[in-house]
Amino acid sequence: MNARTSVSALIVAISLAALPGFASASMLRGHEVNAQQIDAIKTGETLDALVKTVGQPESITTWADGSRSAVYTTSDSLVGAQRVYVDLDSSNHVKQVEVIAE
């Protein structure tokens, strides 16, 4: 787990528990994604295009600066369960994708 993901997860947890309104999380009906779907995510595509390609995320967190993070899960028989974090800019375009082992 890299430092950015650890800090992001901690900020989300604290924000949701102690500072309602600072960040908001929408719990959506998500599903597991596979490696082909993850590979199909393209930097610059919109959130709408992401949902059409990969499906609904488990959650979307909106940060104070207007950027967002969409979270998916995946499982792989070789490496086990993983979280997929798709970071979006304030105009809902994909900035980066991170896959983190759970």
PDB file of N, CA and C in Angstrom:
ATOM      1  N   MET A   1       0.859  -1.169   0.000  1.00  0.00           N
ATOM      2  CA  MET A   1       0.000   0.000   0.000  1.00  0.00           C
ATOM      3  C   MET A   1       0.902   1.227   0.000  1.00  0.00           C
ATOM      4  N   ASN A   2       0.667   2.153  -0.934  1.00  0.00           N
ATOM      5  CA  ASN A   2       1.531   3.321  -0.978  1.00  0.00           C
ATOM      6  C   ASN A   2       1.032   4.401  -0.022  1.00  0.00           C
ATOM      7  N   ALA A   3       1.886   5.366   0.217  1.00  0.00           N
ATOM      8  CA  ALA A   3       1.585   6.397   1.212  1.00  0.00           C
ATOM      9  C   ALA A   3       0.365   7.222   0.823  1.00  0.00           C
ATOM     10  N   ARG A   4       0.211   7.536  -0.465  1.00  0.00           N
ATOM     11  CA  ARG A   4      -0.910   8.350  -0.919  1.00  0.00           C
ATOM     12  C   ARG A   4      -2.235   7.646  -0.628  1.00  0.00           C
ATOM     13  N   THR A   5      -2.292   6.358  -0.909  1.00  0.00           N
ATOM     14  CA  THR A   5      -3.515   5.603  -0.675  1.00  0.00           C
ATOM     15  C   THR A   5      -3.817   5.508   0.810  1.00  0.00           C
ATOM     16  N   SER A   6      -2.785   5.289   1.625  1.00  0.00           N
ATOM     17  CA  SER A   6      -2.983   5.218   3.074  1.00  0.00           C
ATOM     18  C   SER A   6      -3.519   6.533   3.612  1.00  0.00           C
ATOM     19  N   VAL A   7      -2.927   7.636   3.165  1.00  0.00           N
ATOM     20  CA  VAL A   7      -3.371   8.954   3.612  1.00  0.00           C
ATOM     21  C   VAL A   7      -4.792   9.216   3.125  1.00  0.00           C
ATOM     22  N   SER A   8      -5.078   8.865   1.873  1.00  0.00           N
ATOM     23  CA  SER A   8      -6.430   9.062   1.331  1.00  0.00           C
ATOM     24  C   SER A   8      -7.463   8.282   2.124  1.00  0.00           C
ATOM     25  N   ALA A   9      -7.151   7.030   2.434  1.00  0.00           N
ATOM     26  CA  ALA A   9      -8.080   6.205   3.198  1.00  0.00           C
ATOM     27  C   ALA A   9      -8.303   6.784   4.588  1.00  0.00           C
ATOM     28  N   LEU A  10      -7.250   7.253   5.221  1.00  0.00           N
ATOM     29  CA  LEU A  10      -7.359   7.858   6.544  1.00  0.00           C
ATOM     30  C   LEU A  10      -8.199   9.131   6.491  1.00  0.00           C
ATOM     31  N   ILE A  11      -7.969   9.967   5.484  1.00  0.00           N
ATOM     32  CA  ILE A  11      -8.737  11.205   5.345  1.00  0.00           C
ATOM     33  C   ILE A  11     -10.213  10.890   5.145  1.00  0.00           C
ATOM     34  N   VAL A  12     -10.508   9.910   4.322  1.00  0.00           N
ATOM     35  CA  VAL A  12     -11.901   9.525   4.089  1.00  0.00           C
ATOM     36  C   VAL A  12     -12.544   9.082   5.390  1.00  0.00           C
ATOM     37  N   ALA A  13     -11.859   8.212   6.116  1.00  0.00           N
ATOM     38  CA  ALA A  13     -12.420   7.696   7.366  1.00  0.00           C
ATOM     39  C   ALA A  13     -12.681   8.810   8.363  1.00  0.00           C
ATOM     40  N   ILE A  14     -11.721   9.693   8.543  1.00  0.00           N
ATOM     41  CA  ILE A  14     -11.878  10.794   9.500  1.00  0.00           C
ATOM     42  C   ILE A  14     -12.959  11.750   9.038  1.00  0.00           C
ATOM     43  N   SER A  15     -12.964  12.071   7.738  1.00  0.00           N
ATOM     44  CA  SER A  15     -13.947  13.007   7.208  1.00  0.00           C
ATOM     45  C   SER A  15     -15.361  12.492   7.381  1.00  0.00           C
ATOM     46  N   LEU A  16     -15.548  11.216   7.096  1.00  0.00           N
ATOM     47  CA  LEU A  16     -16.888  10.658   7.196  1.00  0.00           C
ATOM     48  C   LEU A  16     -17.349  10.523   8.636  1.00  0.00           C
ATOM     49  N   ALA A  17     -16.414  10.242   9.527  1.00  0.00           N
ATOM     50  CA  ALA A  17     -16.773  10.043  10.930  1.00  0.00           C
ATOM     51  C   ALA A  17     -16.904  11.356  11.695  1.00  0.00           C
ATOM     52  N   ALA A  18     -15.978  12.285  11.450  1.00  0.00           N
ATOM     53  CA  ALA A  18     -15.903  13.462  12.307  1.00  0.00           C
ATOM     54  C   ALA A  18     -16.308  14.767  11.636  1.00  0.00           C
ATOM     55  N   LEU A  19     -16.242  14.837  10.331  1.00  0.00           N
ATOM     56  CA  LEU A  19     -16.486  16.107   9.661  1.00  0.00           C
ATOM     57  C   LEU A  19     -17.503  15.975   8.527  1.00  0.00           C
ATOM     58  N   PRO A  20     -18.736  15.653   8.831  1.00  0.00           N
ATOM     59  CA  PRO A  20     -19.716  15.535   7.759  1.00  0.00           C
ATOM     60  C   PRO A  20     -19.804  16.842   6.976  1.00  0.00           C
ATOM     61  N   GLY A  21     -19.853  16.726   5.675  1.00  0.00           N
ATOM     62  CA  GLY A  21     -19.873  17.918   4.839  1.00  0.00           C
ATOM     63  C   GLY A  21     -18.519  18.221   4.225  1.00  0.00           C
ATOM     64  N   PHE A  22     -17.422  17.827   4.882  1.00  0.00           N
ATOM     65  CA  PHE A  22     -16.088  18.041   4.320  1.00  0.00           C
ATOM     66  C   PHE A  22     -15.904  17.157   3.107  1.00  0.00           C
ATOM     67  N   ALA A  23     -16.255  15.917   3.223  1.00  0.00           N
ATOM     68  CA  ALA A  23     -16.258  14.982   2.092  1.00  0.00           C
ATOM     69  C   ALA A  23     -17.565  14.221   2.168  1.00  0.00           C
ATOM     70  N   SER A  24     -18.092  13.867   1.020  1.00  0.00           N
ATOM     71  CA  SER A  24     -19.322  13.085   1.046  1.00  0.00           C
ATOM     72  C   SER A  24     -19.103  11.812   0.263  1.00  0.00           C
ATOM     73  N   ALA A  25     -19.638  10.733   0.758  1.00  0.00           N
ATOM     74  CA  ALA A  25     -19.510   9.446   0.076  1.00  0.00           C
ATOM     75  C   ALA A  25     -20.901   8.978  -0.296  1.00  0.00           C
ATOM     76  N   SER A  26     -21.036   8.551  -1.531  1.00  0.00           N
ATOM     77  CA  SER A  26     -22.295   7.981  -1.993  1.00  0.00           C
ATOM     78  C   SER A  26     -22.090   6.490  -2.121  1.00  0.00           C
ATOM     79  N   MET A  27     -22.809   5.726  -1.321  1.00  0.00           N
ATOM     80  CA  MET A  27     -22.701   4.276  -1.433  1.00  0.00           C
ATOM     81  C   MET A  27     -23.587   3.840  -2.588  1.00  0.00           C
ATOM     82  N   LEU A  28     -22.976   3.239  -3.562  1.00  0.00           N
ATOM     83  CA  LEU A  28     -23.669   2.793  -4.748  1.00  0.00           C
ATOM     84  C   LEU A  28     -23.642   1.278  -4.797  1.00  0.00           C
ATOM     85  N   ARG A  29     -24.441   0.716  -5.651  1.00  0.00           N
ATOM     86  CA  ARG A  29     -24.422  -0.726  -5.811  1.00  0.00           C
ATOM     87  C   ARG A  29     -23.306  -1.070  -6.790  1.00  0.00           C
ATOM     88  N   GLY A  30     -22.175  -1.479  -6.267  1.00  0.00           N
ATOM     89  CA  GLY A  30     -21.023  -1.786  -7.090  1.00  0.00           C
ATOM     90  C   GLY A  30     -20.911  -3.270  -7.354  1.00  0.00           C
ATOM     91  N   HIS A  31     -19.939  -3.624  -8.135  1.00  0.00           N
ATOM     92  CA  HIS A  31     -19.684  -5.013  -8.453  1.00  0.00           C
ATOM     93  C   HIS A  31     -18.190  -5.189  -8.656  1.00  0.00           C
ATOM     94  N   GLU A  32     -17.752  -6.410  -8.670  1.00  0.00           N
ATOM     95  CA  GLU A  32     -16.339  -6.670  -8.901  1.00  0.00           C
ATOM     96  C   GLU A  32     -16.009  -6.439 -10.367  1.00  0.00           C
ATOM     97  N   VAL A  33     -14.828  -5.913 -10.597  1.00  0.00           N
ATOM     98  CA  VAL A  33     -14.346  -5.698 -11.954  1.00  0.00           C
ATOM     99  C   VAL A  33     -13.212  -6.670 -12.233  1.00  0.00           C
ATOM    100  N   ASN A  34     -12.963  -6.902 -13.500  1.00  0.00           N
ATOM    101  CA  ASN A  34     -11.880  -7.805 -13.872  1.00  0.00           C
ATOM    102  C   ASN A  34     -10.714  -7.021 -14.486  1.00  0.00           C
ATOM    103  N   ALA A  35      -9.618  -7.709 -14.746  1.00  0.00           N
ATOM    104  CA  ALA A  35      -8.410  -7.064 -15.264  1.00  0.00           C
ATOM    105  C   ALA A  35      -8.654  -6.381 -16.609  1.00  0.00           C
ATOM    106  N   GLN A  36      -9.460  -6.986 -17.462  1.00  0.00           N
ATOM    107  CA  GLN A  36      -9.747  -6.383 -18.765  1.00  0.00           C
ATOM    108  C   GLN A  36     -10.494  -5.061 -18.611  1.00  0.00           C
ATOM    109  N   GLN A  37     -11.429  -5.013 -17.656  1.00  0.00           N
ATOM    110  CA  GLN A  37     -12.155  -3.769 -17.415  1.00  0.00           C
ATOM    111  C   GLN A  37     -11.217  -2.690 -16.869  1.00  0.00           C
ATOM    112  N   ILE A  38     -10.339  -3.073 -15.956  1.00  0.00           N
ATOM    113  CA  ILE A  38      -9.386  -2.107 -15.402  1.00  0.00           C
ATOM    114  C   ILE A  38      -8.486  -1.573 -16.511  1.00  0.00           C
ATOM    115  N   ASP A  39      -8.007  -2.459 -17.371  1.00  0.00           N
ATOM    116  CA  ASP A  39      -7.136  -2.042 -18.469  1.00  0.00           C
ATOM    117  C   ASP A  39      -7.856  -1.124 -19.451  1.00  0.00           C
ATOM    118  N   ALA A  40      -9.184  -1.225 -19.521  1.00  0.00           N
ATOM    119  CA  ALA A  40      -9.962  -0.410 -20.453  1.00  0.00           C
ATOM    120  C   ALA A  40     -10.190   1.020 -19.953  1.00  0.00           C
ATOM    121  N   ILE A  41      -9.897   1.292 -18.686  1.00  0.00           N
ATOM    122  CA  ILE A  41     -10.073   2.642 -18.142  1.00  0.00           C
ATOM    123  C   ILE A  41      -8.998   3.542 -18.738  1.00  0.00           C
ATOM    124  N   LYS A  42      -9.431   4.670 -19.299  1.00  0.00           N
ATOM    125  CA  LYS A  42      -8.498   5.566 -19.974  1.00  0.00           C
ATOM    126  C   LYS A  42      -8.434   6.916 -19.268  1.00  0.00           C
ATOM    127  N   THR A  43      -7.223   7.417 -19.082  1.00  0.00           N
ATOM    128  CA  THR A  43      -7.028   8.747 -18.519  1.00  0.00           C
ATOM    129  C   THR A  43      -7.743   9.755 -19.409  1.00  0.00           C
ATOM    130  N   GLY A  44      -8.477  10.650 -18.788  1.00  0.00           N
ATOM    131  CA  GLY A  44      -9.197  11.683 -19.526  1.00  0.00           C
ATOM    132  C   GLY A  44     -10.646  11.364 -19.816  1.00  0.00           C
ATOM    133  N   GLU A  45     -11.041  10.075 -19.697  1.00  0.00           N
ATOM    134  CA  GLU A  45     -12.444   9.751 -19.960  1.00  0.00           C
ATOM    135  C   GLU A  45     -13.319  10.276 -18.826  1.00  0.00           C
ATOM    136  N   THR A  46     -14.582  10.486 -19.119  1.00  0.00           N
ATOM    137  CA  THR A  46     -15.502  11.041 -18.129  1.00  0.00           C
ATOM    138  C   THR A  46     -16.002   9.959 -17.174  1.00  0.00           C
ATOM    139  N   LEU A  47     -16.583  10.403 -16.067  1.00  0.00           N
ATOM    140  CA  LEU A  47     -17.192   9.472 -15.114  1.00  0.00           C
ATOM    141  C   LEU A  47     -18.297   8.671 -15.798  1.00  0.00           C
ATOM    142  N   ASP A  48     -19.096   9.315 -16.637  1.00  0.00           N
ATOM    143  CA  ASP A  48     -20.162   8.598 -17.349  1.00  0.00           C
ATOM    144  C   ASP A  48     -19.583   7.492 -18.227  1.00  0.00           C
ATOM    145  N   ALA A  49     -18.496   7.787 -18.937  1.00  0.00           N
ATOM    146  CA  ALA A  49     -17.851   6.779 -19.786  1.00  0.00           C
ATOM    147  C   ALA A  49     -17.267   5.660 -18.929  1.00  0.00           C
ATOM    148  N   LEU A  50     -16.698   6.019 -17.773  1.00  0.00           N
ATOM    149  CA  LEU A  50     -16.146   5.031 -16.851  1.00  0.00           C
ATOM    150  C   LEU A  50     -17.235   4.052 -16.409  1.00  0.00           C
ATOM    151  N   VAL A  51     -18.396   4.582 -16.027  1.00  0.00           N
ATOM    152  CA  VAL A  51     -19.497   3.737 -15.565  1.00  0.00           C
ATOM    153  C   VAL A  51     -19.991   2.841 -16.699  1.00  0.00           C
ATOM    154  N   LYS A  52     -20.020   3.346 -17.927  1.00  0.00           N
ATOM    155  CA  LYS A  52     -20.426   2.515 -19.064  1.00  0.00           C
ATOM    156  C   LYS A  52     -19.420   1.396 -19.319  1.00  0.00           C
ATOM    157  N   THR A  53     -18.132   1.696 -19.125  1.00  0.00           N
ATOM    158  CA  THR A  53     -17.077   0.720 -19.378  1.00  0.00           C
ATOM    159  C   THR A  53     -16.979  -0.318 -18.273  1.00  0.00           C
ATOM    160  N   VAL A  54     -17.011   0.144 -17.015  1.00  0.00           N
ATOM    161  CA  VAL A  54     -16.696  -0.712 -15.872  1.00  0.00           C
ATOM    162  C   VAL A  54     -17.915  -1.028 -15.011  1.00  0.00           C
ATOM    163  N   GLY A  55     -18.919  -0.176 -15.024  1.00  0.00           N
ATOM    164  CA  GLY A  55     -20.086  -0.347 -14.172  1.00  0.00           C
ATOM    165  C   GLY A  55     -20.036   0.606 -12.992  1.00  0.00           C
ATOM    166  N   GLN A  56     -21.049   0.525 -12.147  1.00  0.00           N
ATOM    167  CA  GLN A  56     -21.152   1.398 -10.976  1.00  0.00           C
ATOM    168  C   GLN A  56     -20.064   1.049  -9.956  1.00  0.00           C
ATOM    169  N   PRO A  57     -19.391   2.048  -9.414  1.00  0.00           N
ATOM    170  CA  PRO A  57     -18.420   1.782  -8.346  1.00  0.00           C
ATOM    171  C   PRO A  57     -19.128   1.480  -7.030  1.00  0.00           C
ATOM    172  N   GLU A  58     -18.371   0.929  -6.086  1.00  0.00           N
ATOM    173  CA  GLU A  58     -18.920   0.696  -4.739  1.00  0.00           C
ATOM    174  C   GLU A  58     -19.225   2.009  -4.050  1.00  0.00           C
ATOM    175  N   SER A  59     -18.355   2.987  -4.259  1.00  0.00           N
ATOM    176  CA  SER A  59     -18.551   4.297  -3.645  1.00  0.00           C
ATOM    177  C   SER A  59     -17.846   5.352  -4.473  1.00  0.00           C
ATOM    178  N   ILE A  60     -18.313   6.581  -4.299  1.00  0.00           N
ATOM    179  CA  ILE A  60     -17.646   7.742  -4.880  1.00  0.00           C
ATOM    180  C   ILE A  60     -17.524   8.764  -3.767  1.00  0.00           C
ATOM    181  N   THR A  61     -16.318   9.225  -3.530  1.00  0.00           N
ATOM    182  CA  THR A  61     -16.070  10.248  -2.519  1.00  0.00           C
ATOM    183  C   THR A  61     -15.764  11.558  -3.223  1.00  0.00           C
ATOM    184  N   THR A  62     -16.416  12.626  -2.792  1.00  0.00           N
ATOM    185  CA  THR A  62     -16.141  13.951  -3.323  1.00  0.00           C
ATOM    186  C   THR A  62     -15.289  14.699  -2.308  1.00  0.00           C
ATOM    187  N   TRP A  63     -14.138  15.179  -2.759  1.00  0.00           N
ATOM    188  CA  TRP A  63     -13.190  15.880  -1.893  1.00  0.00           C
ATOM    189  C   TRP A  63     -13.494  17.372  -1.873  1.00  0.00           C
ATOM    190  N   ALA A  64     -12.924  18.081  -0.916  1.00  0.00           N
ATOM    191  CA  ALA A  64     -13.173  19.509  -0.723  1.00  0.00           C
ATOM    192  C   ALA A  64     -12.824  20.335  -1.960  1.00  0.00           C
ATOM    193  N   ASP A  65     -11.835  19.899  -2.745  1.00  0.00           N
ATOM    194  CA  ASP A  65     -11.436  20.648  -3.942  1.00  0.00           C
ATOM    195  C   ASP A  65     -12.288  20.320  -5.162  1.00  0.00           C
ATOM    196  N   GLY A  66     -13.305  19.463  -4.990  1.00  0.00           N
ATOM    197  CA  GLY A  66     -14.190  19.107  -6.086  1.00  0.00           C
ATOM    198  C   GLY A  66     -13.777  17.853  -6.838  1.00  0.00           C
ATOM    199  N   SER A  67     -12.565  17.369  -6.583  1.00  0.00           N
ATOM    200  CA  SER A  67     -12.140  16.120  -7.220  1.00  0.00           C
ATOM    201  C   SER A  67     -12.884  14.965  -6.553  1.00  0.00           C
ATOM    202  N   ARG A  68     -12.848  13.795  -7.202  1.00  0.00           N
ATOM    203  CA  ARG A  68     -13.590  12.648  -6.695  1.00  0.00           C
ATOM    204  C   ARG A  68     -12.739  11.392  -6.806  1.00  0.00           C
ATOM    205  N   SER A  69     -13.095  10.389  -6.036  1.00  0.00           N
ATOM    206  CA  SER A  69     -12.467   9.076  -6.123  1.00  0.00           C
ATOM    207  C   SER A  69     -13.575   8.031  -6.194  1.00  0.00           C
ATOM    208  N   ALA A  70     -13.521   7.201  -7.248  1.00  0.00           N
ATOM    209  CA  ALA A  70     -14.456   6.089  -7.404  1.00  0.00           C
ATOM    210  C   ALA A  70     -13.720   4.821  -6.983  1.00  0.00           C
ATOM    211  N   VAL A  71     -14.400   3.961  -6.225  1.00  0.00           N
ATOM    212  CA  VAL A  71     -13.761   2.757  -5.687  1.00  0.00           C
ATOM    213  C   VAL A  71     -14.470   1.520  -6.222  1.00  0.00           C
ATOM    214  N   TYR A  72     -13.655   0.588  -6.722  1.00  0.00           N
ATOM    215  CA  TYR A  72     -14.129  -0.712  -7.199  1.00  0.00           C
ATOM    216  C   TYR A  72     -13.346  -1.788  -6.467  1.00  0.00           C
ATOM    217  N   THR A  73     -13.847  -3.017  -6.495  1.00  0.00           N
ATOM    218  CA  THR A  73     -13.080  -4.148  -5.989  1.00  0.00           C
ATOM    219  C   THR A  73     -12.865  -5.135  -7.124  1.00  0.00           C
ATOM    220  N   THR A  74     -11.829  -5.910  -6.975  1.00  0.00           N
ATOM    221  CA  THR A  74     -11.536  -6.976  -7.918  1.00  0.00           C
ATOM    222  C   THR A  74     -10.923  -8.119  -7.135  1.00  0.00           C
ATOM    223  N   SER A  75     -10.989  -9.285  -7.687  1.00  0.00           N
ATOM    224  CA  SER A  75     -10.298 -10.406  -7.068  1.00  0.00           C
ATOM    225  C   SER A  75      -9.568 -11.161  -8.161  1.00  0.00           C
ATOM    226  N   ASP A  76      -8.442 -11.655  -7.809  1.00  0.00           N
ATOM    227  CA  ASP A  76      -7.600 -12.384  -8.745  1.00  0.00           C
ATOM    228  C   ASP A  76      -7.109 -13.621  -8.020  1.00  0.00           C
ATOM    229  N   SER A  77      -7.221 -14.763  -8.641  1.00  0.00           N
ATOM    230  CA  SER A  77      -6.846 -15.998  -7.962  1.00  0.00           C
ATOM    231  C   SER A  77      -5.364 -16.045  -7.596  1.00  0.00           C
ATOM    232  N   LEU A  78      -4.539 -15.277  -8.275  1.00  0.00           N
ATOM    233  CA  LEU A  78      -3.103 -15.288  -7.984  1.00  0.00           C
ATOM    234  C   LEU A  78      -2.709 -14.308  -6.874  1.00  0.00           C
ATOM    235  N   VAL A  79      -3.366 -13.147  -6.830  1.00  0.00           N
ATOM    236  CA  VAL A  79      -2.959 -12.125  -5.856  1.00  0.00           C
ATOM    237  C   VAL A  79      -4.013 -11.817  -4.809  1.00  0.00           C
ATOM    238  N   GLY A  80      -5.217 -12.319  -4.952  1.00  0.00           N
ATOM    239  CA  GLY A  80      -6.257 -12.083  -3.966  1.00  0.00           C
ATOM    240  C   GLY A  80      -7.034 -10.808  -4.228  1.00  0.00           C
ATOM    241  N   ALA A  81      -7.816 -10.406  -3.234  1.00  0.00           N
ATOM    242  CA  ALA A  81      -8.687  -9.237  -3.356  1.00  0.00           C
ATOM    243  C   ALA A  81      -7.878  -7.958  -3.491  1.00  0.00           C
ATOM    244  N   GLN A  82      -8.404  -7.043  -4.294  1.00  0.00           N
ATOM    245  CA  GLN A  82      -7.757  -5.752  -4.509  1.00  0.00           C
ATOM    246  C   GLN A  82      -8.811  -4.661  -4.560  1.00  0.00           C
ATOM    247  N   ARG A  83      -8.395  -3.459  -4.253  1.00  0.00           N
ATOM    248  CA  ARG A  83      -9.234  -2.267  -4.406  1.00  0.00           C
ATOM    249  C   ARG A  83      -8.694  -1.499  -5.601  1.00  0.00           C
ATOM    250  N   VAL A  84      -9.614  -0.966  -6.390  1.00  0.00           N
ATOM    251  CA  VAL A  84      -9.253  -0.149  -7.537  1.00  0.00           C
ATOM    252  C   VAL A  84      -9.759   1.260  -7.261  1.00  0.00           C
ATOM    253  N   TYR A  85      -8.843   2.214  -7.192  1.00  0.00           N
ATOM    254  CA  TYR A  85      -9.174   3.614  -6.943  1.00  0.00           C
ATOM    255  C   TYR A  85      -9.024   4.375  -8.252  1.00  0.00           C
ATOM    256  N   VAL A  86     -10.107   4.997  -8.705  1.00  0.00           N
ATOM    257  CA  VAL A  86     -10.074   5.805  -9.918  1.00  0.00           C
ATOM    258  C   VAL A  86     -10.235   7.254  -9.473  1.00  0.00           C
ATOM    259  N   ASP A  87      -9.166   8.030  -9.625  1.00  0.00           N
ATOM    260  CA  ASP A  87      -9.181   9.439  -9.222  1.00  0.00           C
ATOM    261  C   ASP A  87      -9.668  10.287 -10.389  1.00  0.00           C
ATOM    262  N   LEU A  88     -10.629  11.163 -10.095  1.00  0.00           N
ATOM    263  CA  LEU A  88     -11.235  12.037 -11.095  1.00  0.00           C
ATOM    264  C   LEU A  88     -10.955  13.485 -10.731  1.00  0.00           C
ATOM    265  N   ASP A  89     -10.777  14.337 -11.731  1.00  0.00           N
ATOM    266  CA  ASP A  89     -10.587  15.757 -11.442  1.00  0.00           C
ATOM    267  C   ASP A  89     -11.941  16.406 -11.157  1.00  0.00           C
ATOM    268  N   SER A  90     -11.943  17.703 -10.914  1.00  0.00           N
ATOM    269  CA  SER A  90     -13.179  18.393 -10.535  1.00  0.00           C
ATOM    270  C   SER A  90     -14.197  18.456 -11.672  1.00  0.00           C
ATOM    271  N   SER A  91     -13.766  18.160 -12.894  1.00  0.00           N
ATOM    272  CA  SER A  91     -14.715  18.113 -14.013  1.00  0.00           C
ATOM    273  C   SER A  91     -15.066  16.670 -14.389  1.00  0.00           C
ATOM    274  N   ASN A  92     -14.800  15.737 -13.457  1.00  0.00           N
ATOM    275  CA  ASN A  92     -15.169  14.320 -13.598  1.00  0.00           C
ATOM    276  C   ASN A  92     -14.467  13.591 -14.734  1.00  0.00           C
ATOM    277  N   HIS A  93     -13.194  13.910 -14.948  1.00  0.00           N
ATOM    278  CA  HIS A  93     -12.377  13.186 -15.915  1.00  0.00           C
ATOM    279  C   HIS A  93     -11.327  12.370 -15.162  1.00  0.00           C
ATOM    280  N   VAL A  94     -11.082  11.151 -15.623  1.00  0.00           N
ATOM    281  CA  VAL A  94     -10.136  10.255 -14.968  1.00  0.00           C
ATOM    282  C   VAL A  94      -8.731  10.854 -14.994  1.00  0.00           C
ATOM    283  N   LYS A  95      -8.118  10.955 -13.805  1.00  0.00           N
ATOM    284  CA  LYS A  95      -6.720  11.407 -13.685  1.00  0.00           C
ATOM    285  C   LYS A  95      -5.779  10.226 -13.597  1.00  0.00           C
ATOM    286  N   GLN A  96      -6.120   9.236 -12.766  1.00  0.00           N
ATOM    287  CA  GLN A  96      -5.260   8.085 -12.588  1.00  0.00           C
ATOM    288  C   GLN A  96      -6.035   6.924 -11.995  1.00  0.00           C
ATOM    289  N   VAL A  97      -5.450   5.736 -12.134  1.00  0.00           N
ATOM    290  CA  VAL A  97      -6.041   4.512 -11.606  1.00  0.00           C
ATOM    291  C   VAL A  97      -4.979   3.825 -10.760  1.00  0.00           C
ATOM    292  N   GLU A  98      -5.364   3.440  -9.544  1.00  0.00           N
ATOM    293  CA  GLU A  98      -4.451   2.721  -8.648  1.00  0.00           C
ATOM    294  C   GLU A  98      -5.112   1.409  -8.229  1.00  0.00           C
ATOM    295  N   VAL A  99      -4.343   0.334  -8.284  1.00  0.00           N
ATOM    296  CA  VAL A  99      -4.829  -0.967  -7.827  1.00  0.00           C
ATOM    297  C   VAL A  99      -3.998  -1.338  -6.602  1.00  0.00           C
ATOM    298  N   ILE A 100      -4.686  -1.546  -5.473  1.00  0.00           N
ATOM    299  CA  ILE A 100      -4.031  -1.778  -4.201  1.00  0.00           C
ATOM    300  C   ILE A 100      -4.507  -3.118  -3.621  1.00  0.00           C
ATOM    301  N   ALA A 101      -3.572  -3.975  -3.243  1.00  0.00           N
ATOM    302  CA  ALA A 101      -3.929  -5.247  -2.614  1.00  0.00           C
ATOM    303  C   ALA A 101      -4.539  -4.978  -1.250  1.00  0.00           C
ATOM    304  N   GLU A 102      -5.571  -5.752  -0.915  1.00  0.00           N
ATOM    305  CA  GLU A 102      -6.201  -5.581   0.407  1.00  0.00           C
ATOM    306  C   GLU A 102      -5.498  -6.420   1.439  1.00  0.00           C
TER     307      GLU A 102
END
